[in-house]
Amino acid sequence: MSVSAGWRLAEVDAALAGRTALPRDNGELVFEEPWQGRALGMGVVVLGRTGASGEGFRRHLVAAIRQRPPEPGESAAGAYYAAWLDALEALLTERGLLP
């Protein structure tokens, strides 16, 4: 699935369904701290503006989740959004937008 400049959160959410699904509680997205929601929003914009595919980003997210297991006392949502940022960085690096 290709990402267009108009990608919305619902499309990102659908592309990440399964093993890389966004954290939810009772069907609602989970944000324990403001930076987590900002990270998600920034990611949606980055995906849309870079033309990245959902599958391409998911590949980076799976790798980031594997490389960064939750630290002692860290919540699952906290670990997920930290991995999310690592995946964004990897995607931008791969596309030559970060050194």
N, C-alpha and C. Protein backbone atom coordinates (compact mmCIF):
# COMPACT_ATOMS: atom_id res chain seq x y z
N MET A 1 0.83 -1.17 0.00
CA MET A 1 0.00 0.00 0.00
C MET A 1 0.88 1.24 0.00
N SER A 2 0.68 2.11 -0.92
CA SER A 2 1.47 3.33 -0.99
C SER A 2 0.82 4.42 -0.16
N VAL A 3 1.66 5.27 0.40
CA VAL A 3 1.19 6.39 1.20
C VAL A 3 1.11 7.60 0.30
N SER A 4 -0.01 8.27 0.29
CA SER A 4 -0.12 9.51 -0.47
C SER A 4 0.03 10.68 0.47
N ALA A 5 0.16 11.88 -0.09
CA ALA A 5 0.33 13.08 0.73
C ALA A 5 -0.87 13.29 1.64
N GLY A 6 -2.00 12.69 1.32
CA GLY A 6 -3.19 12.88 2.12
C GLY A 6 -3.47 11.76 3.12
N TRP A 7 -2.49 10.95 3.42
CA TRP A 7 -2.73 9.85 4.35
C TRP A 7 -3.27 10.35 5.66
N ARG A 8 -4.18 9.61 6.23
CA ARG A 8 -4.80 9.93 7.51
C ARG A 8 -4.44 8.87 8.54
N LEU A 9 -4.68 9.19 9.79
CA LEU A 9 -4.40 8.26 10.88
C LEU A 9 -5.07 6.92 10.65
N ALA A 10 -6.31 6.91 10.17
CA ALA A 10 -7.03 5.65 9.96
C ALA A 10 -6.30 4.74 8.97
N GLU A 11 -5.69 5.33 7.96
CA GLU A 11 -4.95 4.54 6.98
C GLU A 11 -3.65 3.99 7.58
N VAL A 12 -2.98 4.80 8.38
CA VAL A 12 -1.77 4.33 9.06
C VAL A 12 -2.15 3.20 10.02
N ASP A 13 -3.22 3.40 10.76
CA ASP A 13 -3.72 2.39 11.70
C ASP A 13 -3.99 1.08 10.98
N ALA A 14 -4.67 1.14 9.85
CA ALA A 14 -4.99 -0.08 9.09
C ALA A 14 -3.73 -0.75 8.56
N ALA A 15 -2.76 0.05 8.10
CA ALA A 15 -1.52 -0.52 7.56
C ALA A 15 -0.70 -1.22 8.63
N LEU A 16 -0.87 -0.83 9.89
CA LEU A 16 -0.08 -1.40 10.97
C LEU A 16 -0.81 -2.49 11.75
N ALA A 17 -2.01 -2.85 11.31
CA ALA A 17 -2.79 -3.87 12.01
C ALA A 17 -1.99 -5.16 12.16
N GLY A 18 -2.28 -5.89 13.21
CA GLY A 18 -1.58 -7.14 13.46
C GLY A 18 -0.48 -6.95 14.48
N ARG A 19 0.70 -7.46 14.16
CA ARG A 19 1.81 -7.43 15.13
C ARG A 19 2.29 -6.04 15.48
N THR A 20 2.06 -5.07 14.62
CA THR A 20 2.56 -3.72 14.87
C THR A 20 1.43 -2.74 15.14
N ALA A 21 0.28 -3.24 15.56
CA ALA A 21 -0.89 -2.39 15.80
C ALA A 21 -0.61 -1.32 16.85
N LEU A 22 -1.23 -0.17 16.65
CA LEU A 22 -1.12 0.92 17.63
C LEU A 22 -1.71 0.48 18.96
N PRO A 23 -1.11 0.91 20.08
CA PRO A 23 -1.62 0.51 21.40
C PRO A 23 -3.06 1.00 21.63
N ARG A 24 -3.89 0.11 22.13
CA ARG A 24 -5.29 0.45 22.40
C ARG A 24 -5.72 -0.12 23.75
N ASP A 25 -6.71 0.54 24.30
CA ASP A 25 -7.38 0.06 25.51
C ASP A 25 -8.87 0.26 25.28
N ASN A 26 -9.63 -0.83 25.28
CA ASN A 26 -11.06 -0.78 25.04
C ASN A 26 -11.37 -0.09 23.71
N GLY A 27 -10.53 -0.34 22.70
CA GLY A 27 -10.73 0.21 21.38
C GLY A 27 -10.18 1.60 21.14
N GLU A 28 -9.77 2.29 22.19
CA GLU A 28 -9.26 3.65 22.07
C GLU A 28 -7.73 3.65 22.06
N LEU A 29 -7.13 4.55 21.26
CA LEU A 29 -5.68 4.68 21.26
C LEU A 29 -5.19 5.07 22.64
N VAL A 30 -4.05 4.54 23.03
CA VAL A 30 -3.47 4.80 24.35
C VAL A 30 -2.29 5.77 24.19
N PHE A 31 -2.38 6.88 24.92
CA PHE A 31 -1.29 7.84 25.03
C PHE A 31 -1.13 8.13 26.51
N GLU A 32 -0.03 7.65 27.09
CA GLU A 32 0.19 7.86 28.52
C GLU A 32 0.86 9.20 28.80
N GLU A 33 1.54 9.73 27.79
CA GLU A 33 2.23 11.01 27.94
C GLU A 33 2.04 11.79 26.64
N PRO A 34 2.05 13.13 26.72
CA PRO A 34 1.82 13.94 25.52
C PRO A 34 2.77 13.62 24.36
N TRP A 35 4.04 13.29 24.65
CA TRP A 35 4.98 13.04 23.57
C TRP A 35 4.56 11.86 22.71
N GLN A 36 3.83 10.92 23.27
CA GLN A 36 3.41 9.74 22.51
C GLN A 36 2.42 10.12 21.41
N GLY A 37 1.46 10.95 21.73
CA GLY A 37 0.52 11.42 20.72
C GLY A 37 1.21 12.27 19.66
N ARG A 38 2.16 13.07 20.10
CA ARG A 38 2.91 13.90 19.15
C ARG A 38 3.75 13.03 18.22
N ALA A 39 4.35 11.99 18.77
CA ALA A 39 5.15 11.07 17.95
C ALA A 39 4.28 10.41 16.88
N LEU A 40 3.09 10.00 17.26
CA LEU A 40 2.18 9.38 16.30
C LEU A 40 1.80 10.38 15.21
N GLY A 41 1.43 11.58 15.62
CA GLY A 41 1.05 12.60 14.65
C GLY A 41 2.19 12.94 13.70
N MET A 42 3.38 13.07 14.25
CA MET A 42 4.55 13.37 13.44
C MET A 42 4.79 12.24 12.43
N GLY A 43 4.60 11.01 12.88
CA GLY A 43 4.80 9.87 11.99
C GLY A 43 3.81 9.86 10.84
N VAL A 44 2.55 10.18 11.11
CA VAL A 44 1.55 10.22 10.05
C VAL A 44 1.95 11.26 9.00
N VAL A 45 2.41 12.42 9.45
CA VAL A 45 2.83 13.48 8.53
C VAL A 45 4.06 13.02 7.73
N VAL A 46 5.04 12.43 8.41
CA VAL A 46 6.26 11.97 7.73
C VAL A 46 5.92 10.94 6.66
N LEU A 47 5.06 9.99 6.99
CA LEU A 47 4.70 8.96 6.02
C LEU A 47 4.04 9.59 4.79
N GLY A 48 3.15 10.53 5.03
CA GLY A 48 2.48 11.18 3.91
C GLY A 48 3.41 12.01 3.06
N ARG A 49 4.29 12.73 3.69
CA ARG A 49 5.16 13.64 2.94
C ARG A 49 6.33 12.94 2.25
N THR A 50 6.74 11.80 2.74
CA THR A 50 7.86 11.09 2.11
C THR A 50 7.39 10.10 1.05
N GLY A 51 6.10 9.82 1.02
CA GLY A 51 5.60 8.85 0.07
C GLY A 51 5.96 7.43 0.43
N ALA A 52 6.28 7.20 1.69
CA ALA A 52 6.64 5.86 2.15
C ALA A 52 5.43 4.93 2.09
N SER A 53 5.68 3.67 1.94
CA SER A 53 4.59 2.70 1.95
C SER A 53 4.32 2.23 3.37
N GLY A 54 3.11 1.80 3.61
CA GLY A 54 2.78 1.24 4.92
C GLY A 54 3.64 0.03 5.23
N GLU A 55 3.86 -0.80 4.23
CA GLU A 55 4.69 -1.99 4.43
C GLU A 55 6.13 -1.62 4.71
N GLY A 56 6.64 -0.60 4.04
CA GLY A 56 8.01 -0.15 4.28
C GLY A 56 8.19 0.35 5.70
N PHE A 57 7.22 1.13 6.18
CA PHE A 57 7.32 1.62 7.55
C PHE A 57 7.15 0.47 8.54
N ARG A 58 6.22 -0.43 8.25
CA ARG A 58 6.00 -1.56 9.17
C ARG A 58 7.28 -2.38 9.33
N ARG A 59 8.03 -2.55 8.24
CA ARG A 59 9.30 -3.28 8.31
C ARG A 59 10.24 -2.62 9.31
N HIS A 60 10.34 -1.30 9.26
CA HIS A 60 11.18 -0.57 10.21
C HIS A 60 10.64 -0.68 11.64
N LEU A 61 9.32 -0.63 11.77
CA LEU A 61 8.72 -0.71 13.10
C LEU A 61 8.94 -2.08 13.73
N VAL A 62 8.77 -3.14 12.96
CA VAL A 62 9.02 -4.49 13.48
C VAL A 62 10.46 -4.61 13.96
N ALA A 63 11.40 -4.11 13.16
CA ALA A 63 12.82 -4.17 13.55
C ALA A 63 13.06 -3.36 14.82
N ALA A 64 12.47 -2.18 14.91
CA ALA A 64 12.66 -1.33 16.09
C ALA A 64 12.08 -1.96 17.35
N ILE A 65 10.93 -2.60 17.22
CA ILE A 65 10.31 -3.27 18.37
C ILE A 65 11.19 -4.43 18.83
N ARG A 66 11.74 -5.18 17.89
CA ARG A 66 12.63 -6.30 18.24
C ARG A 66 13.90 -5.81 18.93
N GLN A 67 14.44 -4.70 18.44
CA GLN A 67 15.70 -4.19 18.98
C GLN A 67 15.53 -3.47 20.31
N ARG A 68 14.31 -3.10 20.64
CA ARG A 68 14.09 -2.31 21.84
C ARG A 68 12.96 -2.89 22.68
N PRO A 69 13.24 -3.97 23.41
CA PRO A 69 12.20 -4.51 24.30
C PRO A 69 11.93 -3.53 25.44
N PRO A 70 10.76 -3.62 26.06
CA PRO A 70 10.46 -2.70 27.16
C PRO A 70 11.51 -2.78 28.27
N GLU A 71 11.88 -1.62 28.77
CA GLU A 71 12.81 -1.56 29.90
C GLU A 71 12.04 -1.86 31.18
N PRO A 72 12.73 -2.29 32.25
CA PRO A 72 12.04 -2.57 33.51
C PRO A 72 11.22 -1.35 33.95
N GLY A 73 9.95 -1.57 34.23
CA GLY A 73 9.06 -0.51 34.69
C GLY A 73 8.45 0.31 33.56
N GLU A 74 8.87 0.08 32.33
CA GLU A 74 8.32 0.82 31.19
C GLU A 74 7.03 0.15 30.73
N SER A 75 6.04 0.95 30.42
CA SER A 75 4.77 0.41 29.94
C SER A 75 4.91 -0.08 28.50
N ALA A 76 3.98 -0.90 28.09
CA ALA A 76 3.97 -1.38 26.71
C ALA A 76 3.79 -0.22 25.74
N ALA A 77 2.94 0.74 26.08
CA ALA A 77 2.72 1.90 25.21
C ALA A 77 3.99 2.75 25.12
N GLY A 78 4.66 2.95 26.23
CA GLY A 78 5.90 3.72 26.22
C GLY A 78 6.96 3.08 25.34
N ALA A 79 7.09 1.77 25.45
CA ALA A 79 8.06 1.04 24.63
C ALA A 79 7.67 1.11 23.15
N TYR A 80 6.39 1.00 22.87
CA TYR A 80 5.91 1.04 21.49
C TYR A 80 6.24 2.38 20.84
N TYR A 81 5.90 3.47 21.51
CA TYR A 81 6.12 4.78 20.90
C TYR A 81 7.61 5.13 20.81
N ALA A 82 8.43 4.61 21.71
CA ALA A 82 9.87 4.80 21.58
C ALA A 82 10.37 4.05 20.34
N ALA A 83 9.86 2.84 20.12
CA ALA A 83 10.22 2.08 18.92
C ALA A 83 9.68 2.77 17.68
N TRP A 84 8.50 3.38 17.78
CA TRP A 84 7.89 4.12 16.68
C TRP A 84 8.85 5.22 16.20
N LEU A 85 9.41 5.97 17.17
CA LEU A 85 10.36 7.04 16.82
C LEU A 85 11.63 6.47 16.19
N ASP A 86 12.11 5.34 16.72
CA ASP A 86 13.28 4.69 16.12
C ASP A 86 12.99 4.28 14.67
N ALA A 87 11.77 3.78 14.42
CA ALA A 87 11.39 3.36 13.07
C ALA A 87 11.30 4.56 12.13
N LEU A 88 10.77 5.68 12.61
CA LEU A 88 10.73 6.89 11.79
C LEU A 88 12.14 7.34 11.42
N GLU A 89 13.03 7.32 12.40
CA GLU A 89 14.42 7.71 12.14
C GLU A 89 15.05 6.79 11.10
N ALA A 90 14.82 5.49 11.22
CA ALA A 90 15.38 4.53 10.26
C ALA A 90 14.82 4.78 8.86
N LEU A 91 13.52 5.06 8.78
CA LEU A 91 12.90 5.33 7.48
C LEU A 91 13.50 6.57 6.84
N LEU A 92 13.64 7.64 7.63
CA LEU A 92 14.20 8.89 7.10
C LEU A 92 15.67 8.72 6.70
N THR A 93 16.39 7.92 7.45
CA THR A 93 17.79 7.64 7.12
C THR A 93 17.86 6.85 5.82
N GLU A 94 17.03 5.84 5.69
CA GLU A 94 16.99 5.03 4.48
C GLU A 94 16.69 5.87 3.23
N ARG A 95 15.86 6.87 3.39
CA ARG A 95 15.47 7.73 2.27
C ARG A 95 16.45 8.88 2.05
N GLY A 96 17.53 8.92 2.84
CA GLY A 96 18.54 9.95 2.67
C GLY A 96 18.14 11.31 3.22
N LEU A 97 17.15 11.33 4.08
CA LEU A 97 16.67 12.60 4.65
C LEU A 97 17.31 12.89 6.00
N LEU A 98 18.00 11.92 6.57
CA LEU A 98 18.80 12.09 7.78
C LEU A 98 20.17 11.48 7.52
N PRO A 99 21.21 12.05 8.12
CA PRO A 99 22.54 11.47 7.90
C PRO A 99 22.70 10.13 8.61
